Amino acid sequence: MQTAPIEITTYKSLERNKYPFCPGCGHTLTLDHLNAALVKLQLDPLKTVIVTDIGCVGMSDQYFDVNAFHGLHGRAITYASGIKLANPDLTVIVLMGDGGTGIGGAHLLNAARRNIGITVLVFNNLNFGMTGGQHSVTTPHGGITSSSRLGNLERPLDICGTVAVNGAAYVYRGTAFDKDLADRIADAIQTPGFALLDIWELCTAYYVPNNKFSKTELLNTMQWLNLQAGVLQRKDSPELSRCYREEYASQRGKPVLPSDPIEKKYDSALAQMTRIMLAGAAGGKVKSTGSALALGGMYSGLWATQRDDYPTTVMSGYSISEIILGRDEIFYTGIDKPDILAVITSEGLSQVHQQLRAMDETQTVYVVPELANQIETRARKVVFDFSSAAANKKSLAVMTTAAIVRHANLYPLDAFREAINAGQKADIAQENLRAVEAGERIL
């Protein structure tokens, strides 16, 4: 025998039934309207999420018996978007102030543009209420705040117009005093797409006393700014999280693997995890050589990671490639103390003094002759002299790495050659293979 579902009469927490706001603050009215909307819809509390950020309204989530996420100022929409994309079956509601709306403006635009199915309630009291009443992006022209004592000179942001022109599915502007606000919130929540309600309120702590503001002045200001009230946009357009799931439904449950799994072709004698750093110059093929070194390790049945570091400039400065090879899966890719450090150029040397000081007698530094005397370390030092090599000097990183692969017996040099052929254009690969031959002959 089936039992009728229990009707939920309130979503407000029984443990925290009194809001923490100033007397007369509009947040209290808006939250009561939200509660009424949730009761009307009878949403499953376990499938409902309220997301807040910093500001007075940021304290609201703890007063509702649903899931909650409290984050950084202006970032509530990003968290809500991630939650909705991760689970489209959730009802996700954002509570944020006009301050957070301005701080997170780019997130607001993109959530509307992408039509992510979240509902955003903007508690718009025309100033930063929590931090002392500074002007915000919605403060009307002439509004007196703690940061605009002679009157705000800026033009206020039309939140509704901004999200509407960027594709929001539902847009509403009203006040906390609207009798039908609960119904409008319910409409927005039920809209499959991005929905926003710009709810104008009174900040009784700051904006009201500074501007002799009132409910009547709230409505007059809206009219003076030529900002219409009511439902401003309602459109039926594809919601992103659903579209995403439908597009990739055929891939659900399948392992995420490369289209061409890397096949083991060689055997490596490497017994323990080995951390390698190649320290050279930008334009010196350091990064591509590191990639070939890692791929050669995978061809030899090893786990491999690669992490690169270089400045924002192009073809100037240093270039560092960090490669880890091991028999077991690698969970941390950082290298504080390398087992093998190749110092190829002065630019690379400038970046690895800390690693050189950390290395000990069990580790090896490979270095070109002109830099050998500049290196102070307890590690064993091996000098590679490529002065007689016929290969292109720009391939110094390749020559050095080929010599290291052989000298340290990381894996067969043929695996390194195959990795170069597999990952590089034919003409570049041929040049680098000549560098490998030069590196092989050095020992």
Protein backbone atom coordinates (compact mmCIF):
# COMPACT_ATOMS: atom_id res chain seq x y z
CA MET A 1 0.00 0.00 0.00
CA GLN A 2 1.46 3.32 -1.06
CA THR A 3 1.42 6.22 1.36
CA ALA A 4 0.83 9.79 0.26
CA PRO A 5 3.95 11.95 0.26
CA ILE A 6 4.31 14.16 3.30
CA GLU A 7 3.56 17.79 2.49
CA ILE A 8 6.39 20.13 3.36
CA THR A 9 5.01 23.22 5.09
CA THR A 10 8.31 25.10 5.38
CA TYR A 11 11.87 24.81 4.16
CA LYS A 12 13.19 27.12 6.84
CA SER A 13 15.42 25.51 9.42
CA LEU A 14 13.67 24.81 12.70
CA GLU A 15 16.97 25.27 14.50
CA ARG A 16 17.64 28.69 12.98
CA ASN A 17 14.27 30.36 12.55
CA LYS A 18 15.31 34.01 12.99
CA TYR A 19 17.31 35.68 10.24
CA PRO A 20 20.42 37.68 11.27
CA PHE A 21 19.55 40.86 9.37
CA CYS A 22 19.01 44.45 10.48
CA PRO A 23 15.44 45.49 11.36
CA GLY A 24 13.56 46.33 8.18
CA CYS A 25 16.17 44.75 5.87
CA GLY A 26 14.62 43.59 2.61
CA HIS A 27 16.48 40.28 2.79
CA THR A 28 13.95 39.00 5.32
CA LEU A 29 11.02 39.62 2.96
CA THR A 30 12.76 38.06 -0.04
CA LEU A 31 13.79 34.94 1.87
CA ASP A 32 10.24 34.47 3.10
CA HIS A 33 9.07 34.69 -0.52
CA LEU A 34 11.68 32.10 -1.47
CA ASN A 35 10.43 29.79 1.26
CA ALA A 36 6.87 30.21 0.01
CA ALA A 37 7.98 29.38 -3.54
CA LEU A 38 9.72 26.21 -2.35
CA VAL A 39 6.60 25.17 -0.42
CA LYS A 40 4.48 25.79 -3.50
CA LEU A 41 6.75 23.61 -5.66
CA GLN A 42 7.24 20.91 -2.98
CA LEU A 43 10.83 20.35 -4.10
CA ASP A 44 12.82 17.45 -2.73
CA PRO A 45 15.20 19.05 -0.17
CA LEU A 46 17.82 16.42 -1.00
CA LYS A 47 17.79 17.52 -4.64
CA THR A 48 17.74 21.25 -3.96
CA VAL A 49 20.89 23.34 -3.56
CA ILE A 50 21.19 26.94 -2.37
CA VAL A 51 24.47 28.60 -3.34
CA THR A 52 25.64 31.84 -1.73
CA ASP A 53 28.72 34.02 -1.63
CA ILE A 54 29.94 36.80 0.66
CA GLY A 55 27.65 39.64 1.78
CA CYS A 56 24.68 39.86 4.12
CA VAL A 57 22.69 37.51 1.92
CA GLY A 58 25.60 35.07 2.07
CA MET A 59 24.44 34.09 5.54
CA SER A 60 21.08 32.88 4.23
CA ASP A 61 21.85 29.31 3.16
CA GLN A 62 22.10 28.05 6.74
CA TYR A 63 18.49 29.03 7.37
CA PHE A 64 17.05 26.51 4.90
CA ASP A 65 16.91 22.74 5.25
CA VAL A 66 18.31 21.97 1.81
CA ASN A 67 21.81 21.39 0.47
CA ALA A 68 24.01 24.48 0.66
CA PHE A 69 27.28 25.76 -0.78
CA HIS A 70 28.88 28.96 0.53
CA GLY A 71 31.80 30.40 -1.45
CA LEU A 72 33.79 33.49 -2.35
CA HIS A 73 32.44 36.93 -3.21
CA GLY A 74 31.11 37.14 -6.76
CA ARG A 75 31.71 33.46 -7.43
CA ALA A 76 28.35 31.95 -6.47
CA ILE A 77 27.27 31.59 -10.10
CA THR A 78 30.42 29.64 -10.98
CA TYR A 79 29.85 27.15 -8.16
CA ALA A 80 26.18 26.84 -9.09
CA SER A 81 27.06 26.27 -12.75
CA GLY A 82 29.46 23.49 -11.82
CA ILE A 83 26.91 21.84 -9.55
CA LYS A 84 24.23 21.95 -12.26
CA LEU A 85 26.56 20.64 -14.95
CA ALA A 86 27.65 17.80 -12.66
CA ASN A 87 24.05 16.82 -11.89
CA PRO A 88 21.30 18.34 -14.08
CA ASP A 89 18.65 16.69 -11.86
CA LEU A 90 19.37 19.13 -9.04
CA THR A 91 17.46 22.37 -8.53
CA VAL A 92 20.17 25.00 -8.03
CA ILE A 93 19.31 28.43 -6.62
CA VAL A 94 21.84 31.26 -6.25
CA LEU A 95 21.36 33.95 -3.60
CA MET A 96 23.65 36.93 -4.10
CA GLY A 97 23.71 40.67 -3.60
CA ASP A 98 24.28 43.48 -6.06
CA GLY A 99 27.87 43.62 -4.78
CA GLY A 100 28.55 40.01 -5.74
CA THR A 101 26.77 40.53 -9.04
CA GLY A 102 29.23 43.29 -9.93
CA ILE A 103 32.28 41.41 -8.70
CA GLY A 104 31.23 38.30 -10.62
CA GLY A 105 29.93 40.11 -13.69
CA ALA A 106 31.79 37.93 -16.17
CA HIS A 107 30.32 34.80 -14.58
CA LEU A 108 26.84 36.31 -14.77
CA LEU A 109 27.22 37.05 -18.49
CA ASN A 110 28.52 33.60 -19.36
CA ALA A 111 25.94 31.69 -17.32
CA ALA A 112 23.21 33.60 -19.18
CA ARG A 113 24.96 33.12 -22.53
CA ARG A 114 25.33 29.40 -21.95
CA ASN A 115 21.77 29.15 -20.60
CA ILE A 116 22.74 26.99 -17.64
CA GLY A 117 19.63 25.95 -15.71
CA ILE A 118 20.18 27.79 -12.45
CA THR A 119 17.96 30.39 -10.79
CA VAL A 120 19.67 33.56 -9.57
CA LEU A 121 18.02 35.81 -6.99
CA VAL A 122 19.81 39.16 -6.79
CA PHE A 123 19.09 40.81 -3.43
CA ASN A 124 19.60 44.30 -4.83
CA ASN A 125 19.76 46.90 -2.05
CA LEU A 126 21.82 49.33 -4.17
CA ASN A 127 24.98 49.23 -2.03
CA PHE A 128 27.49 46.97 -0.27
CA GLY A 129 25.53 46.43 2.93
CA MET A 130 27.91 44.15 4.82
CA THR A 131 31.10 46.16 4.46
CA GLY A 132 29.88 49.66 5.29
CA GLY A 133 27.51 50.86 2.59
CA GLN A 134 29.90 51.56 -0.30
CA HIS A 135 28.44 52.17 -3.75
CA SER A 136 27.94 49.12 -5.97
CA VAL A 137 27.28 48.57 -9.67
CA THR A 138 23.55 49.20 -9.12
CA THR A 139 23.77 52.36 -6.98
CA PRO A 140 21.66 54.99 -8.79
CA HIS A 141 23.30 58.10 -10.17
CA GLY A 142 23.46 60.60 -7.31
CA GLY A 143 23.10 57.95 -4.62
CA ILE A 144 24.96 58.87 -1.42
CA THR A 145 27.06 56.07 0.03
CA SER A 146 30.12 55.78 2.23
CA SER A 147 32.30 55.83 -0.90
CA SER A 148 30.31 58.47 -2.79
CA ARG A 149 29.58 61.14 -0.21
CA LEU A 150 28.72 63.79 -2.80
CA GLY A 151 26.57 61.43 -4.83
CA ASN A 152 27.39 58.53 -7.14
CA LEU A 153 28.74 59.69 -10.51
CA GLU A 154 28.45 56.31 -12.22
CA ARG A 155 25.62 54.95 -14.32
CA PRO A 156 23.96 51.94 -12.65
CA LEU A 157 24.08 48.51 -14.24
CA ASP A 158 20.86 47.21 -15.77
CA ILE A 159 21.19 43.64 -14.53
CA CYS A 160 18.05 42.41 -16.27
CA GLY A 161 18.92 43.98 -19.61
CA THR A 162 22.41 42.53 -19.39
CA VAL A 163 21.34 38.92 -18.91
CA ALA A 164 18.38 39.23 -21.28
CA VAL A 165 20.50 40.35 -24.23
CA ASN A 166 22.91 37.50 -23.48
CA GLY A 167 20.20 34.85 -23.77
CA ALA A 168 18.66 34.28 -20.32
CA ALA A 169 15.53 32.14 -20.44
CA TYR A 170 13.66 34.01 -17.70
CA VAL A 171 14.21 37.58 -16.49
CA TYR A 172 12.20 39.43 -13.87
CA ARG A 173 12.57 42.75 -12.07
CA GLY A 174 10.57 43.59 -8.96
CA THR A 175 10.84 44.46 -5.29
CA ALA A 176 10.83 42.58 -2.03
CA PHE A 177 7.39 44.11 -1.40
CA ASP A 178 5.74 42.48 -4.44
CA LYS A 179 2.80 40.33 -3.34
CA ASP A 180 3.37 37.85 -6.16
CA LEU A 181 7.14 37.52 -5.71
CA ALA A 182 6.85 33.94 -4.44
CA ASP A 183 4.98 32.97 -7.61
CA ARG A 184 7.61 34.66 -9.79
CA ILE A 185 10.38 32.81 -7.96
CA ALA A 186 8.51 29.55 -8.50
CA ASP A 187 8.12 30.38 -12.21
CA ALA A 188 11.86 31.04 -12.47
CA ILE A 189 12.79 27.79 -10.72
CA GLN A 190 10.56 25.82 -13.06
CA THR A 191 12.06 27.45 -16.15
CA PRO A 192 14.46 25.06 -17.92
CA GLY A 193 17.30 27.49 -18.46
CA PHE A 194 19.06 30.44 -16.87
CA ALA A 195 16.64 32.49 -14.77
CA LEU A 196 17.32 35.74 -12.92
CA LEU A 197 15.20 37.86 -10.61
CA ASP A 198 16.50 41.36 -9.85
CA ILE A 199 14.78 42.03 -6.52
CA TRP A 200 15.10 45.62 -5.28
CA GLU A 201 15.20 46.01 -1.52
CA LEU A 202 15.81 48.50 1.28
CA CYS A 203 19.12 48.53 3.13
CA THR A 204 17.94 50.09 6.39
CA ALA A 205 21.43 50.27 7.86
CA TYR A 206 23.06 52.41 5.18
CA TYR A 207 21.20 53.29 1.98
CA VAL A 208 17.91 54.28 3.60
CA PRO A 209 19.37 56.76 6.14
CA ASN A 210 21.92 58.19 3.67
CA ASN A 211 19.32 58.88 0.98
CA LYS A 212 16.05 59.30 2.93
CA PHE A 213 14.94 56.24 0.98
CA SER A 214 11.67 54.34 1.27
CA LYS A 215 9.46 51.81 -0.51
CA THR A 216 7.97 54.64 -2.57
CA GLU A 217 11.39 56.00 -3.50
CA LEU A 218 12.43 52.47 -4.51
CA LEU A 219 9.67 52.38 -7.11
CA ASN A 220 10.22 56.00 -8.15
CA THR A 221 13.93 55.34 -8.73
CA MET A 222 13.14 52.35 -10.90
CA GLN A 223 10.85 54.51 -13.03
CA TRP A 224 13.32 57.42 -13.14
CA LEU A 225 15.99 55.05 -14.51
CA ASN A 226 13.50 53.76 -17.13
CA LEU A 227 13.82 50.23 -15.76
CA GLN A 228 10.64 48.26 -16.35
CA ALA A 229 9.27 45.90 -13.73
CA GLY A 230 7.68 42.49 -14.13
CA VAL A 231 8.60 39.51 -16.31
CA LEU A 232 10.87 41.05 -18.94
CA GLN A 233 11.86 37.93 -20.85
CA ARG A 234 10.62 34.38 -21.10
CA LYS A 235 11.99 32.17 -23.84
CA ASP A 236 12.32 28.49 -24.59
CA SER A 237 15.89 27.65 -25.52
CA PRO A 238 18.11 24.59 -24.96
CA GLU A 239 19.53 24.30 -21.44
CA LEU A 240 23.24 23.52 -21.39
CA SER A 241 23.51 20.76 -18.78
CA ARG A 242 20.77 18.71 -20.46
CA CYS A 243 22.21 19.28 -23.92
CA TYR A 244 25.62 18.25 -22.69
CA ARG A 245 24.31 15.01 -21.18
CA GLU A 246 22.32 14.17 -24.30
CA GLU A 247 25.27 14.88 -26.58
CA TYR A 248 27.59 12.56 -24.67
CA ALA A 249 25.07 9.97 -23.48
CA SER A 250 26.58 7.36 -25.78
CA GLN A 251 29.94 7.76 -24.01
CA ARG A 252 28.65 7.21 -20.48
CA GLY A 253 30.39 4.33 -18.74
CA LYS A 254 33.13 4.02 -21.32
CA PRO A 255 36.72 4.35 -20.13
CA VAL A 256 38.46 7.56 -21.11
CA LEU A 257 41.40 6.29 -23.12
CA PRO A 258 43.47 7.78 -25.91
CA SER A 259 42.34 6.79 -29.38
CA ASP A 260 45.70 5.09 -29.87
CA PRO A 261 46.76 3.33 -26.64
CA ILE A 262 50.53 3.37 -26.16
CA GLU A 263 51.87 -0.12 -26.73
CA LYS A 264 54.86 -1.47 -24.85
CA LYS A 265 57.59 -2.33 -27.37
CA TYR A 266 60.78 -2.32 -25.32
CA ASP A 267 62.04 -3.43 -21.92
CA SER A 268 63.57 -1.10 -19.37
CA ALA A 269 66.03 -2.05 -16.65
CA LEU A 270 64.94 0.93 -14.51
CA ALA A 271 64.37 -0.39 -11.00
CA GLN A 272 63.09 2.67 -9.15
CA MET A 273 61.30 5.92 -9.79
CA THR A 274 63.65 8.42 -11.44
CA ARG A 275 63.09 12.18 -11.42
CA ILE A 276 64.70 14.02 -14.34
CA MET A 277 65.05 17.73 -15.06
CA LEU A 278 66.17 19.23 -18.36
CA ALA A 279 67.29 22.84 -17.85
CA GLY A 280 67.85 24.74 -21.07
CA ALA A 281 66.79 27.77 -23.06
CA ALA A 282 63.59 28.67 -24.86
CA GLY A 283 63.80 27.65 -28.50
CA GLY A 284 66.21 24.85 -27.61
CA LYS A 285 63.71 21.98 -28.00
CA VAL A 286 63.62 21.34 -24.25
CA LYS A 287 59.88 20.76 -23.99
CA SER A 288 59.64 18.56 -27.10
CA THR A 289 62.68 16.58 -25.95
CA GLY A 290 61.04 16.06 -22.56
CA SER A 291 57.94 14.78 -24.33
CA ALA A 292 60.01 12.31 -26.34
CA LEU A 293 61.82 11.18 -23.19
CA ALA A 294 58.48 10.51 -21.46
CA LEU A 295 56.98 8.75 -24.49
CA GLY A 296 60.06 6.59 -24.86
CA GLY A 297 59.59 5.56 -21.24
CA MET A 298 56.01 4.55 -21.95
CA TYR A 299 57.14 2.54 -24.98
CA SER A 300 59.41 0.76 -22.51
CA GLY A 301 56.61 -0.16 -20.12
CA LEU A 302 57.15 2.68 -17.64
CA TRP A 303 54.77 5.20 -16.11
CA ALA A 304 55.73 8.73 -17.10
CA THR A 305 54.79 12.31 -16.25
CA GLN A 306 55.93 15.61 -17.69
CA ARG A 307 55.68 19.12 -16.30
CA ASP A 308 57.16 22.17 -18.04
CA ASP A 309 58.11 25.65 -16.92
CA TYR A 310 58.99 28.64 -19.08
CA PRO A 311 58.39 32.41 -19.07
CA THR A 312 55.62 34.11 -21.00
CA THR A 313 58.06 35.38 -23.60
CA VAL A 314 58.58 33.50 -26.87
CA MET A 315 62.00 32.16 -27.93
CA SER A 316 63.79 33.91 -25.05
CA GLY A 317 64.57 33.03 -21.45
CA TYR A 318 64.71 29.64 -19.80
CA SER A 319 62.89 26.39 -20.50
CA ILE A 320 62.61 23.60 -17.94
CA SER A 321 61.11 20.16 -18.48
CA GLU A 322 60.52 17.79 -15.56
CA ILE A 323 60.01 14.12 -16.35
CA ILE A 324 59.38 11.31 -13.91
CA LEU A 325 59.76 7.66 -14.96
CA GLY A 326 58.79 4.72 -12.78
CA ARG A 327 57.51 1.19 -12.55
CA ASP A 328 54.46 2.25 -10.54
CA GLU A 329 51.77 4.87 -11.06
CA ILE A 330 52.97 8.40 -10.27
CA PHE A 331 50.69 10.53 -8.08
CA TYR A 332 52.87 13.58 -7.42
CA THR A 333 54.52 15.23 -10.42
CA GLY A 334 56.64 17.86 -8.67
CA ILE A 335 60.43 17.52 -8.46
CA ASP A 336 62.17 19.20 -5.53
CA LYS A 337 65.25 17.00 -5.62
CA PRO A 338 65.99 15.45 -9.04
CA ASP A 339 67.83 12.17 -9.48
CA ILE A 340 69.12 13.42 -12.83
CA LEU A 341 69.61 17.08 -13.70
CA ALA A 342 70.80 18.14 -17.16
CA VAL A 343 72.18 21.69 -17.22
CA ILE A 344 72.22 22.55 -20.90
CA THR A 345 72.41 26.37 -21.03
CA SER A 346 73.08 29.31 -18.72
CA GLU A 347 69.38 30.23 -18.88
CA GLY A 348 68.52 26.80 -17.52
CA LEU A 349 71.21 27.00 -14.85
CA SER A 350 69.69 30.23 -13.51
CA GLN A 351 66.54 28.33 -12.57
CA VAL A 352 67.94 25.24 -10.82
CA HIS A 353 70.30 26.50 -8.10
CA GLN A 354 67.88 25.31 -5.40
CA GLN A 355 67.74 21.81 -6.88
CA LEU A 356 71.54 21.69 -7.19
CA ARG A 357 71.89 22.51 -3.50
CA ALA A 358 69.38 19.80 -2.56
CA MET A 359 71.01 17.00 -4.57
CA ASP A 360 73.37 14.52 -2.89
CA GLU A 361 76.01 11.94 -3.82
CA THR A 362 73.42 9.43 -5.04
CA GLN A 363 72.28 11.76 -7.84
CA THR A 364 73.85 12.97 -11.07
CA VAL A 365 74.26 16.33 -12.79
CA TYR A 366 74.97 16.26 -16.52
CA VAL A 367 76.45 19.50 -17.78
CA VAL A 368 78.12 21.03 -20.82
CA PRO A 369 81.81 22.04 -20.35
CA GLU A 370 81.34 25.82 -20.33
CA LEU A 371 78.99 25.61 -17.33
CA ALA A 372 80.74 22.88 -15.35
CA ASN A 373 82.76 25.26 -13.15
CA GLN A 374 79.65 27.29 -12.27
CA ILE A 375 77.91 24.36 -10.62
CA GLU A 376 78.16 23.77 -6.89
CA THR A 377 76.57 20.55 -5.77
CA ARG A 378 77.25 17.37 -3.82
CA ALA A 379 75.88 15.33 -6.69
CA ARG A 380 78.11 13.44 -9.09
CA LYS A 381 79.00 15.62 -12.06
CA VAL A 382 79.26 14.24 -15.60
CA VAL A 383 80.46 16.59 -18.36
CA PHE A 384 79.21 16.07 -21.91
CA ASP A 385 81.39 17.75 -24.53
CA PHE A 386 79.53 18.11 -27.82
CA SER A 387 82.06 20.47 -29.43
CA SER A 388 82.94 17.93 -32.11
CA ALA A 389 79.34 16.97 -32.85
CA ALA A 390 78.13 17.73 -36.35
CA ALA A 391 74.50 18.07 -35.29
CA ASN A 392 72.64 21.39 -35.10
CA LYS A 393 73.53 23.20 -31.88
CA LYS A 394 69.82 23.96 -31.43
CA SER A 395 69.46 20.23 -30.82
CA LEU A 396 71.69 20.34 -27.75
CA ALA A 397 68.81 19.21 -25.51
CA VAL A 398 68.21 16.19 -27.74
CA MET A 399 71.92 15.28 -27.78
CA THR A 400 72.18 15.61 -24.01
CA THR A 401 69.04 13.58 -23.37
CA ALA A 402 70.11 10.81 -25.74
CA ALA A 403 73.43 10.59 -23.89
CA ILE A 404 71.62 10.48 -20.54
CA VAL A 405 69.23 7.73 -21.71
CA ARG A 406 72.23 5.60 -22.56
CA HIS A 407 74.54 6.60 -19.69
CA ALA A 408 71.87 6.19 -16.98
CA ASN A 409 70.40 3.11 -18.71
CA LEU A 410 66.87 4.49 -18.46
CA TYR A 411 65.58 2.39 -21.34
CA PRO A 412 66.73 1.36 -24.85
CA LEU A 413 67.78 4.30 -27.00
CA ASP A 414 65.65 2.89 -29.82
CA ALA A 415 62.58 3.70 -27.72
CA PHE A 416 63.70 7.35 -27.61
CA ARG A 417 64.20 7.32 -31.40
CA GLU A 418 60.74 5.89 -31.96
CA ALA A 419 59.22 8.51 -29.67
CA ILE A 420 60.86 11.27 -31.72
CA ASN A 421 59.50 9.80 -34.95
CA ALA A 422 56.02 9.40 -33.48
CA GLY A 423 55.61 12.88 -32.01
CA GLN A 424 57.39 15.21 -34.43
CA LYS A 425 57.15 16.34 -38.05
CA ALA A 426 59.29 14.34 -40.46
CA ASP A 427 61.90 17.00 -41.21
CA ILE A 428 62.28 17.97 -37.53
CA ALA A 429 62.38 14.32 -36.50
CA GLN A 430 65.23 13.63 -38.96
CA GLU A 431 67.22 16.54 -37.55
CA ASN A 432 66.66 15.30 -34.01
CA LEU A 433 67.56 11.73 -34.91
CA ARG A 434 70.93 13.01 -36.12
CA ALA A 435 71.27 14.69 -32.72
CA VAL A 436 70.53 11.36 -31.05
CA GLU A 437 73.37 9.76 -33.01
CA ALA A 438 75.69 12.56 -31.88
CA GLY A 439 74.61 12.04 -28.28
CA GLU A 440 75.14 8.32 -28.53
CA ARG A 441 78.69 8.78 -29.79
CA ILE A 442 79.70 11.02 -26.91
CA LEU A 443 80.12 8.05 -24.56
